[in-house]
Amino acid sequence: MSAPAVSAPAAEVVDEIAFDVDALRADFPILEREVDGRPLVYLDSANTSQKPRCVVEAIEDHYLNHNANVARAMHVLGAEATAAFEGGRQAVASFIGATRPEEVIFTKNASEALNLCAHTLGARLRPGDEIVISVMEHHSNIVPWQLLAERTGATLRWFDVTEEGRLDLAGAAASGLVNERTKIISVAYVSNVLGTVNPVREIVALGHAVGATVVLDASQAVPQLPVDVTALGADLVAFTGHKMVGPTGIGVLWGRYDLLAELPPFLGGGEMIEVVKMTGSTFAAPPHRFEAGTPPIAQAVGLGAAVGYLSAIGMSAIAAHEQEITAYALEGLKTVPGLRIIGPSEPVDRGGAVAFTLPDIHPHDISQLLDSRGIAVRGGHHCARPLHERFGVQSSTRASFYLYTTAAEIDALVDGLGYTQRFFGGGR
């Protein structure tokens, strides 16, 4: 499959190519691998996705034919590199429905994007102000806010979750969690453990009603769902390239331009400045204000190719496949004796990450036994330890699916779990 030019707006290419999972898999050479003589069954896409050939080739072509630094070199290669880098920004802006490319800031990952939010928004906080997150957050959306609260004297509070793995909005309303002291709300759009798709528009409205700035961690949402940041109404949205068939080493922070223009710099260095004097400096306009030093140039080229690839398939088609394959997996996992799904057990309003436990078998042992059969899953707390404590489990096994996941791979997972139980004597 050939991807469209990286600068093509997503709206122009959505649904051009019929969704055919077997045909798509041919774009991912790694899926042809064997592990210990068995076909690779890759069920760890919430951790990182695999990369289609066109993304790898775009990065290779950049390094082999156009490599130079951006915005500095006054020669042909420099101009080509700058055009390619900014073309990646334009492609991402179109893909997520930004109103202008200057609203897209490149970081090295979503963790850095969320830290950028905490550091810059933190300049406004005072003792007694409140920051609201949720117990289902990835550590990258907990620790930066904890550090900010320590620095400023603000108070960190959080949404709880129900036993079904949904945000407890009713409990939050009853307790007055969001109130006139709330200055920042930062929550996951889609949980990386529970798979829960949160009602983010409702949360945005709740925050804006009290004048709070609303941040979304969309690392699991942008790869799986059609996301229009302007329509969501949030103020800042963070996500990462490597979970959406793009390269590692690049993340994105989208922000409303008027808000970005008000925020102070995050890191100091080259390119983020306007004028530097020994007595002080002035700073560039967004996005360059937040992109100190040499940026992830080749990674931006690769991410541009990745959003072109996803757009050519159509995010609505990807979301439909994700829901279908997740529903199939949930039904299959329910046939495994004693298996407990952590989070929603039905496919409605959930993404393609499914965490579970088996009685008396540690998730690391489950992962290793499955790996011996070529099945790649993740065992641990998935950078969400408070969430596991909330559900009374030390850790879990997580299988996560994407556009290239097949029903046969789900069958292999279910069979592999049966093998694991037999290996451990039924888990007794």
Protein backbone atom coordinates (compact mmCIF):
# COMPACT_ATOMS: atom_id res chain seq x y z
CA MET A 1 0.00 0.00 0.00
CA SER A 2 1.37 3.41 -0.86
CA ALA A 3 0.69 6.29 1.51
CA PRO A 4 -0.45 9.70 0.28
CA ALA A 5 1.86 12.69 0.46
CA VAL A 6 2.45 13.61 4.08
CA SER A 7 0.89 17.02 3.65
CA ALA A 8 -2.44 15.68 2.36
CA PRO A 9 -5.33 16.65 4.66
CA ALA A 10 -6.87 13.65 6.35
CA ALA A 11 -10.38 14.60 5.23
CA GLU A 12 -9.38 14.16 1.59
CA VAL A 13 -8.18 10.58 1.93
CA VAL A 14 -10.34 8.98 4.63
CA ASP A 15 -11.93 5.69 3.55
CA GLU A 16 -10.24 5.71 0.11
CA ILE A 17 -8.92 2.19 0.73
CA ALA A 18 -11.20 -0.65 1.79
CA PHE A 19 -10.19 -2.14 5.15
CA ASP A 20 -8.62 -5.55 4.52
CA VAL A 21 -6.60 -6.75 7.49
CA ASP A 22 -4.74 -9.41 5.51
CA ALA A 23 -3.72 -6.88 2.88
CA LEU A 24 -2.66 -4.40 5.56
CA ARG A 25 -0.46 -6.98 7.26
CA ALA A 26 1.62 -7.19 4.09
CA ASP A 27 2.70 -3.60 4.80
CA PHE A 28 4.31 -4.68 8.09
CA PRO A 29 7.31 -6.94 7.36
CA ILE A 30 7.86 -7.78 11.04
CA LEU A 31 4.52 -9.59 11.17
CA GLU A 32 6.03 -12.25 8.92
CA ARG A 33 8.55 -13.18 11.63
CA GLU A 34 8.62 -16.42 13.53
CA VAL A 35 9.48 -16.79 17.21
CA ASP A 36 10.89 -20.18 18.21
CA GLY A 37 9.44 -21.65 15.04
CA ARG A 38 5.97 -20.21 15.57
CA PRO A 39 4.35 -17.27 13.75
CA LEU A 40 4.69 -14.02 15.65
CA VAL A 41 1.40 -12.99 17.29
CA TYR A 42 1.96 -9.37 18.26
CA LEU A 43 -0.58 -8.29 20.88
CA ASP A 44 1.32 -5.41 22.49
CA SER A 45 0.35 -2.44 20.35
CA ALA A 46 -0.74 -0.31 23.31
CA ASN A 47 2.92 -0.46 24.30
CA THR A 48 4.21 0.34 20.82
CA SER A 49 2.76 -0.34 17.39
CA GLN A 50 4.56 -1.96 14.50
CA LYS A 51 5.63 0.20 11.55
CA PRO A 52 4.55 -0.11 7.92
CA ARG A 53 7.18 -0.21 5.21
CA CYS A 54 6.26 3.27 3.94
CA VAL A 55 7.16 4.86 7.29
CA VAL A 56 10.54 3.12 7.42
CA GLU A 57 11.22 4.08 3.80
CA ALA A 58 10.31 7.73 4.43
CA ILE A 59 12.86 7.92 7.25
CA GLU A 60 15.46 6.09 5.18
CA ASP A 61 14.93 8.41 2.21
CA HIS A 62 15.32 11.46 4.42
CA TYR A 63 18.61 10.29 5.89
CA LEU A 64 20.00 9.08 2.56
CA ASN A 65 18.95 12.01 0.39
CA HIS A 66 17.84 15.07 2.38
CA ASN A 67 19.63 15.02 5.72
CA ALA A 68 20.46 18.45 7.20
CA ASN A 69 19.47 20.56 10.17
CA VAL A 70 16.32 22.64 9.94
CA ALA A 71 15.84 26.42 9.96
CA ARG A 72 19.60 27.03 10.13
CA ALA A 73 21.41 25.90 6.99
CA MET A 74 21.16 28.23 3.97
CA HIS A 75 21.60 25.52 1.36
CA VAL A 76 19.48 23.09 -0.65
CA LEU A 77 19.64 20.23 1.86
CA GLY A 78 18.70 22.56 4.69
CA ALA A 79 15.72 23.86 2.76
CA GLU A 80 14.61 20.32 1.91
CA ALA A 81 14.96 19.16 5.52
CA THR A 82 13.01 22.17 6.78
CA ALA A 83 10.25 21.60 4.24
CA ALA A 84 10.03 17.93 5.19
CA PHE A 85 9.97 18.69 8.92
CA GLU A 86 7.29 21.35 8.59
CA GLY A 87 5.42 19.08 6.16
CA GLY A 88 5.22 16.53 8.97
CA ARG A 89 3.78 19.20 11.24
CA GLN A 90 1.18 20.15 8.62
CA ALA A 91 0.24 16.49 8.14
CA VAL A 92 -0.28 15.99 11.87
CA ALA A 93 -2.29 19.22 12.14
CA SER A 94 -4.61 18.08 9.34
CA PHE A 95 -4.90 14.59 10.82
CA ILE A 96 -6.13 15.82 14.21
CA GLY A 97 -8.26 18.74 12.98
CA ALA A 98 -6.04 21.57 14.24
CA THR A 99 -6.99 25.00 12.97
CA ARG A 100 -3.38 25.83 12.05
CA PRO A 101 -0.06 23.95 12.01
CA GLU A 102 1.42 26.31 14.61
CA GLU A 103 -0.80 24.60 17.17
CA VAL A 104 1.28 21.41 16.83
CA ILE A 105 4.39 21.19 19.04
CA PHE A 106 6.84 18.34 18.55
CA THR A 107 8.29 16.72 21.67
CA LYS A 108 10.20 13.48 22.10
CA ASN A 109 7.15 11.60 23.45
CA ALA A 110 3.83 12.08 25.23
CA SER A 111 5.57 12.09 28.62
CA GLU A 112 7.55 15.16 27.60
CA ALA A 113 4.40 16.77 26.21
CA LEU A 114 2.60 16.29 29.54
CA ASN A 115 5.61 17.59 31.46
CA LEU A 116 5.55 20.63 29.16
CA CYS A 117 1.92 21.18 30.16
CA ALA A 118 2.70 20.87 33.87
CA HIS A 119 5.69 23.20 33.78
CA THR A 120 4.09 25.94 31.71
CA LEU A 121 0.62 25.86 33.26
CA GLY A 122 2.27 25.65 36.65
CA ALA A 123 3.47 29.24 36.33
CA ARG A 124 -0.13 30.26 37.05
CA LEU A 125 -0.71 28.15 40.17
CA ARG A 126 -0.76 29.35 43.75
CA PRO A 127 -1.12 27.56 47.11
CA GLY A 128 -4.69 26.39 47.54
CA ASP A 129 -5.30 25.89 43.83
CA GLU A 130 -6.32 22.38 42.81
CA ILE A 131 -5.27 19.99 40.03
CA VAL A 132 -7.61 17.10 39.16
CA ILE A 133 -6.50 13.88 37.47
CA SER A 134 -7.86 10.31 37.73
CA VAL A 135 -6.76 7.08 39.34
CA MET A 136 -6.65 5.40 35.90
CA GLU A 137 -3.83 7.60 34.60
CA HIS A 138 -0.52 6.45 33.18
CA HIS A 139 2.34 7.50 35.44
CA SER A 140 3.22 10.14 32.83
CA ASN A 141 -0.05 11.87 33.68
CA ILE A 142 0.40 11.51 37.45
CA VAL A 143 4.01 12.26 38.34
CA PRO A 144 4.34 15.63 36.52
CA TRP A 145 1.26 16.90 38.39
CA GLN A 146 2.54 15.56 41.71
CA LEU A 147 5.81 17.42 41.16
CA LEU A 148 3.90 20.56 40.18
CA ALA A 149 1.78 20.38 43.34
CA GLU A 150 4.95 20.05 45.43
CA ARG A 151 6.53 23.06 43.73
CA THR A 152 3.53 25.36 43.97
CA GLY A 153 1.62 24.30 47.07
CA ALA A 154 -1.36 23.30 44.95
CA THR A 155 -3.48 20.30 45.93
CA LEU A 156 -3.71 17.20 43.73
CA ARG A 157 -7.10 15.46 43.66
CA TRP A 158 -8.48 12.70 41.46
CA PHE A 159 -11.51 10.99 39.97
CA ASP A 160 -12.09 7.45 41.23
CA VAL A 161 -13.33 4.65 38.96
CA THR A 162 -16.28 2.31 39.28
CA GLU A 163 -15.93 -1.45 39.60
CA GLU A 164 -16.64 -1.64 35.86
CA GLY A 165 -13.63 0.59 35.15
CA ARG A 166 -15.51 3.77 34.27
CA LEU A 167 -14.75 7.21 35.69
CA ASP A 168 -16.95 7.80 38.71
CA LEU A 169 -18.41 11.11 37.58
CA ALA A 170 -21.40 10.77 39.90
CA GLY A 171 -19.13 10.34 42.90
CA ALA A 172 -17.01 13.27 41.76
CA ALA A 173 -20.08 15.48 41.47
CA ALA A 174 -21.31 14.46 44.90
CA SER A 175 -17.96 15.24 46.50
CA GLY A 176 -17.47 18.55 44.71
CA LEU A 177 -14.24 17.30 43.17
CA VAL A 178 -14.32 19.95 40.46
CA ASN A 179 -14.96 23.35 42.00
CA GLU A 180 -13.94 27.01 41.87
CA ARG A 181 -10.45 26.10 43.15
CA THR A 182 -9.84 23.69 40.24
CA LYS A 183 -7.33 25.22 37.83
CA ILE A 184 -6.24 22.19 35.80
CA ILE A 185 -7.93 18.90 34.85
CA SER A 186 -5.78 16.29 33.09
CA VAL A 187 -7.22 12.90 32.18
CA ALA A 188 -6.71 10.07 29.70
CA TYR A 189 -8.96 9.98 26.68
CA VAL A 190 -8.57 6.17 26.57
CA SER A 191 -7.09 4.11 29.42
CA ASN A 192 -3.98 2.11 28.52
CA VAL A 193 -5.01 -0.61 31.00
CA LEU A 194 -8.79 -0.69 31.18
CA GLY A 195 -9.39 0.25 27.56
CA THR A 196 -12.09 2.65 28.82
CA VAL A 197 -12.99 5.49 26.47
CA ASN A 198 -13.70 8.38 28.82
CA PRO A 199 -16.49 10.94 28.24
CA VAL A 200 -13.97 13.66 27.54
CA ARG A 201 -16.41 16.21 26.15
CA GLU A 202 -18.36 16.01 29.41
CA ILE A 203 -15.14 16.44 31.38
CA VAL A 204 -14.11 19.40 29.22
CA ALA A 205 -17.47 21.06 29.86
CA LEU A 206 -17.15 20.37 33.59
CA GLY A 207 -13.71 21.96 33.68
CA HIS A 208 -14.54 24.97 31.57
CA ALA A 209 -17.60 25.69 33.70
CA VAL A 210 -15.26 26.53 36.59
CA GLY A 211 -12.57 28.18 34.43
CA ALA A 212 -10.13 25.26 34.52
CA THR A 213 -7.66 24.38 31.76
CA VAL A 214 -8.34 20.86 30.46
CA VAL A 215 -5.51 18.59 29.28
CA LEU A 216 -6.09 15.24 27.56
CA ASP A 217 -3.62 12.37 27.34
CA ALA A 218 -4.70 10.97 23.97
CA SER A 219 -1.83 8.51 23.53
CA GLN A 220 -4.23 5.56 23.24
CA ALA A 221 -6.99 7.50 21.47
CA VAL A 222 -5.30 9.10 18.46
CA PRO A 223 -4.05 5.72 17.12
CA GLN A 224 -7.47 4.09 17.41
CA LEU A 225 -10.20 6.69 16.93
CA PRO A 226 -11.03 9.62 14.70
CA VAL A 227 -9.88 12.56 16.84
CA ASP A 228 -10.75 16.17 16.07
CA VAL A 229 -9.03 18.27 18.71
CA THR A 230 -10.98 21.39 17.83
CA ALA A 231 -14.31 19.61 18.24
CA LEU A 232 -13.23 18.04 21.54
CA GLY A 233 -12.95 21.49 23.05
CA ALA A 234 -9.96 20.63 25.27
CA ASP A 235 -7.19 23.16 25.73
CA LEU A 236 -4.16 20.87 25.35
CA VAL A 237 -3.92 17.34 23.91
CA ALA A 238 -0.84 15.10 24.14
CA PHE A 239 -0.05 11.93 22.20
CA THR A 240 2.92 10.00 20.86
CA GLY A 241 4.06 8.83 17.44
CA HIS A 242 5.21 5.29 18.17
CA LYS A 243 1.75 4.01 19.11
CA MET A 244 0.25 5.16 15.78
CA VAL A 245 2.56 3.29 13.35
CA GLY A 246 5.07 6.13 13.56
CA PRO A 247 8.65 6.15 14.85
CA THR A 248 9.84 6.37 18.43
CA GLY A 249 11.42 9.59 19.59
CA ILE A 250 8.59 11.96 18.67
CA GLY A 251 5.47 13.07 20.52
CA VAL A 252 2.93 15.80 19.93
CA LEU A 253 1.36 18.46 22.09
CA TRP A 254 -1.56 20.24 20.44
CA GLY A 255 -2.83 23.40 22.06
CA ARG A 256 -5.21 26.24 21.34
CA TYR A 257 -3.00 28.86 19.76
CA ASP A 258 -4.17 31.68 22.00
CA LEU A 259 -3.30 29.59 25.07
CA LEU A 260 0.11 28.56 23.67
CA ALA A 261 0.91 32.20 22.98
CA GLU A 262 0.34 33.01 26.65
CA LEU A 263 2.46 30.21 28.10
CA PRO A 264 6.11 30.63 29.07
CA PRO A 265 8.88 28.54 27.48
CA PHE A 266 9.54 25.01 28.70
CA LEU A 267 13.22 24.51 27.78
CA GLY A 268 15.77 27.14 26.82
CA GLY A 269 18.14 26.93 23.87
CA GLY A 270 18.47 27.49 20.17
CA GLU A 271 15.48 28.16 17.91
CA MET A 272 13.05 28.91 20.74
CA ILE A 273 14.31 32.47 21.02
CA GLU A 274 13.63 35.73 19.24
CA VAL A 275 16.52 37.89 20.51
CA VAL A 276 19.20 36.89 23.01
CA LYS A 277 21.23 39.47 24.94
CA MET A 278 23.34 39.04 28.05
CA THR A 279 20.75 41.07 29.92
CA GLY A 280 17.82 38.87 28.89
CA SER A 281 16.02 37.15 26.02
CA THR A 282 12.77 37.29 24.16
CA PHE A 283 11.09 34.21 22.79
CA ALA A 284 9.72 32.93 19.50
CA ALA A 285 6.05 32.46 18.79
CA PRO A 286 4.49 28.98 19.11
CA PRO A 287 5.31 26.29 18.23
CA HIS A 288 9.03 27.08 18.10
CA ARG A 289 8.94 28.63 21.59
CA PHE A 290 8.55 25.09 22.91
CA GLU A 291 11.02 23.32 20.59
CA ALA A 292 14.47 24.18 21.93
CA GLY A 293 17.48 22.82 20.06
CA THR A 294 17.62 20.44 17.13
CA PRO A 295 14.18 18.83 16.90
CA PRO A 296 13.33 15.21 15.94
CA ILE A 297 13.59 15.89 12.21
CA ALA A 298 13.60 12.40 10.70
CA GLN A 299 11.01 11.32 13.24
CA ALA A 300 8.69 14.13 12.12
CA VAL A 301 9.13 12.94 8.54
CA GLY A 302 8.24 9.42 9.66
CA LEU A 303 5.25 10.62 11.65
CA GLY A 304 4.02 12.53 8.61
CA ALA A 305 4.20 9.30 6.61
CA ALA A 306 2.41 7.46 9.42
CA VAL A 307 -0.57 9.83 9.51
CA GLY A 308 -0.71 9.65 5.72
CA TYR A 309 -0.89 5.86 5.98
CA LEU A 310 -3.62 5.94 8.64
CA SER A 311 -5.58 8.56 6.72
CA ALA A 312 -5.50 6.49 3.55
CA ILE A 313 -7.12 3.61 5.43
CA GLY A 314 -9.52 5.87 7.32
CA MET A 315 -9.67 6.23 11.08
CA SER A 316 -13.36 5.32 11.13
CA ALA A 317 -12.50 2.01 9.47
CA ILE A 318 -9.66 1.43 11.93
CA ALA A 319 -11.95 2.19 14.87
CA ALA A 320 -14.57 -0.23 13.55
CA HIS A 321 -11.98 -2.99 13.16
CA GLU A 322 -10.64 -2.24 16.64
CA GLN A 323 -14.11 -2.58 18.16
CA GLU A 324 -14.83 -5.76 16.22
CA ILE A 325 -11.58 -7.49 17.14
CA THR A 326 -11.85 -6.36 20.77
CA ALA A 327 -15.39 -7.74 21.02
CA TYR A 328 -14.12 -11.04 19.62
CA ALA A 329 -11.28 -11.07 22.14
CA LEU A 330 -13.55 -10.29 25.10
CA GLU A 331 -15.82 -13.18 24.19
CA GLY A 332 -12.85 -15.51 23.78
CA LEU A 333 -11.28 -14.50 27.09
CA LYS A 334 -14.55 -15.16 28.90
CA THR A 335 -14.16 -18.84 28.01
CA VAL A 336 -10.90 -19.11 29.97
CA PRO A 337 -11.71 -20.55 33.43
CA GLY A 338 -11.14 -18.09 36.26
CA LEU A 339 -9.94 -15.26 34.05
CA ARG A 340 -10.83 -11.79 35.39
CA ILE A 341 -10.99 -8.85 33.01
CA ILE A 342 -9.87 -5.61 34.67
CA GLY A 343 -12.13 -2.96 33.18
CA PRO A 344 -15.19 -3.01 30.94
CA SER A 345 -16.06 -6.53 29.82
CA GLU A 346 -18.20 -5.33 26.91
CA PRO A 347 -16.85 -3.63 23.78
CA VAL A 348 -18.99 -0.49 24.07
CA ASP A 349 -16.98 2.69 24.73
CA ARG A 350 -13.67 0.88 25.10
CA GLY A 351 -10.45 0.62 23.15
CA GLY A 352 -8.31 -2.33 22.19
CA ALA A 353 -6.34 -2.86 25.42
CA VAL A 354 -7.61 -5.69 27.61
CA ALA A 355 -5.97 -6.36 30.98
CA PHE A 356 -6.72 -9.53 32.90
CA THR A 357 -5.58 -11.85 35.68
CA LEU A 358 -5.54 -15.63 36.07
CA PRO A 359 -5.87 -17.21 39.53
CA ASP A 360 -2.52 -18.08 41.15
CA ILE A 361 -0.43 -17.38 38.02
CA HIS A 362 1.77 -14.30 37.99
CA PRO A 363 1.42 -12.07 34.90
CA HIS A 364 5.15 -12.36 34.21
CA ASP A 365 4.81 -16.15 34.08
CA ILE A 366 1.82 -15.81 31.77
CA SER A 367 3.77 -13.50 29.49
CA GLN A 368 6.77 -15.82 29.36
CA LEU A 369 4.69 -18.90 28.61
CA LEU A 370 2.82 -17.05 25.87
CA ASP A 371 6.10 -15.75 24.46
CA SER A 372 7.35 -19.33 24.19
CA ARG A 373 4.46 -19.81 21.74
CA GLY A 374 5.27 -16.65 19.78
CA ILE A 375 2.56 -14.52 21.47
CA ALA A 376 3.72 -11.08 22.60
CA VAL A 377 1.72 -9.52 25.44
CA ARG A 378 2.73 -7.37 28.40
CA GLY A 379 2.79 -8.32 32.06
CA GLY A 380 3.13 -5.83 34.92
CA HIS A 381 1.32 -2.72 36.09
CA HIS A 382 1.69 -0.98 32.68
CA CYS A 383 2.85 2.31 34.26
CA ALA A 384 -0.45 2.47 36.14
CA ARG A 385 0.27 1.15 39.61
CA PRO A 386 -2.38 3.23 41.45
CA LEU A 387 -5.04 1.78 39.15
CA HIS A 388 -3.96 -1.78 39.96
CA GLU A 389 -4.05 -0.97 43.66
CA ARG A 390 -7.57 0.38 43.18
CA PHE A 391 -8.66 -3.01 41.82
CA GLY A 392 -6.75 -4.97 44.46
CA VAL A 393 -4.28 -6.62 42.12
CA GLN A 394 -0.49 -6.39 42.13
CA SER A 395 -0.24 -6.53 38.36
CA SER A 396 -2.01 -7.84 35.27
CA THR A 397 -1.45 -9.28 31.83
CA ARG A 398 -2.43 -7.00 28.96
CA ALA A 399 -3.21 -7.94 25.38
CA SER A 400 -3.69 -5.00 23.05
CA PHE A 401 -4.86 -4.95 19.46
CA TYR A 402 -4.54 -2.72 16.43
CA LEU A 403 -5.41 -2.42 12.78
CA TYR A 404 -3.34 -5.49 11.85
CA THR A 405 -4.75 -7.85 14.53
CA THR A 406 -6.66 -10.89 13.24
CA ALA A 407 -9.22 -13.24 14.75
CA ALA A 408 -6.71 -16.08 14.32
CA GLU A 409 -4.31 -14.21 16.61
CA ILE A 410 -7.04 -13.89 19.24
CA ASP A 411 -7.66 -17.63 18.96
CA ALA A 412 -3.93 -18.21 19.49
CA LEU A 413 -4.06 -16.07 22.63
CA VAL A 414 -7.00 -17.99 24.08
CA ASP A 415 -5.36 -21.32 23.25
CA GLY A 416 -2.10 -20.06 24.77
CA LEU A 417 -3.84 -19.16 28.01
CA GLY A 418 -5.29 -22.65 28.17
CA TYR A 419 -1.78 -24.04 27.67
CA THR A 420 -0.51 -21.75 30.45
CA GLN A 421 -3.14 -23.00 32.88
CA ARG A 422 -2.30 -26.62 32.08
CA PHE A 423 1.41 -25.91 32.50
CA PHE A 424 0.78 -24.54 35.98
CA GLY A 425 -1.61 -27.30 36.91
CA GLY A 426 -4.78 -25.35 36.31
CA GLY A 427 -3.44 -22.41 38.26
CA ARG A 428 -3.68 -24.30 41.56
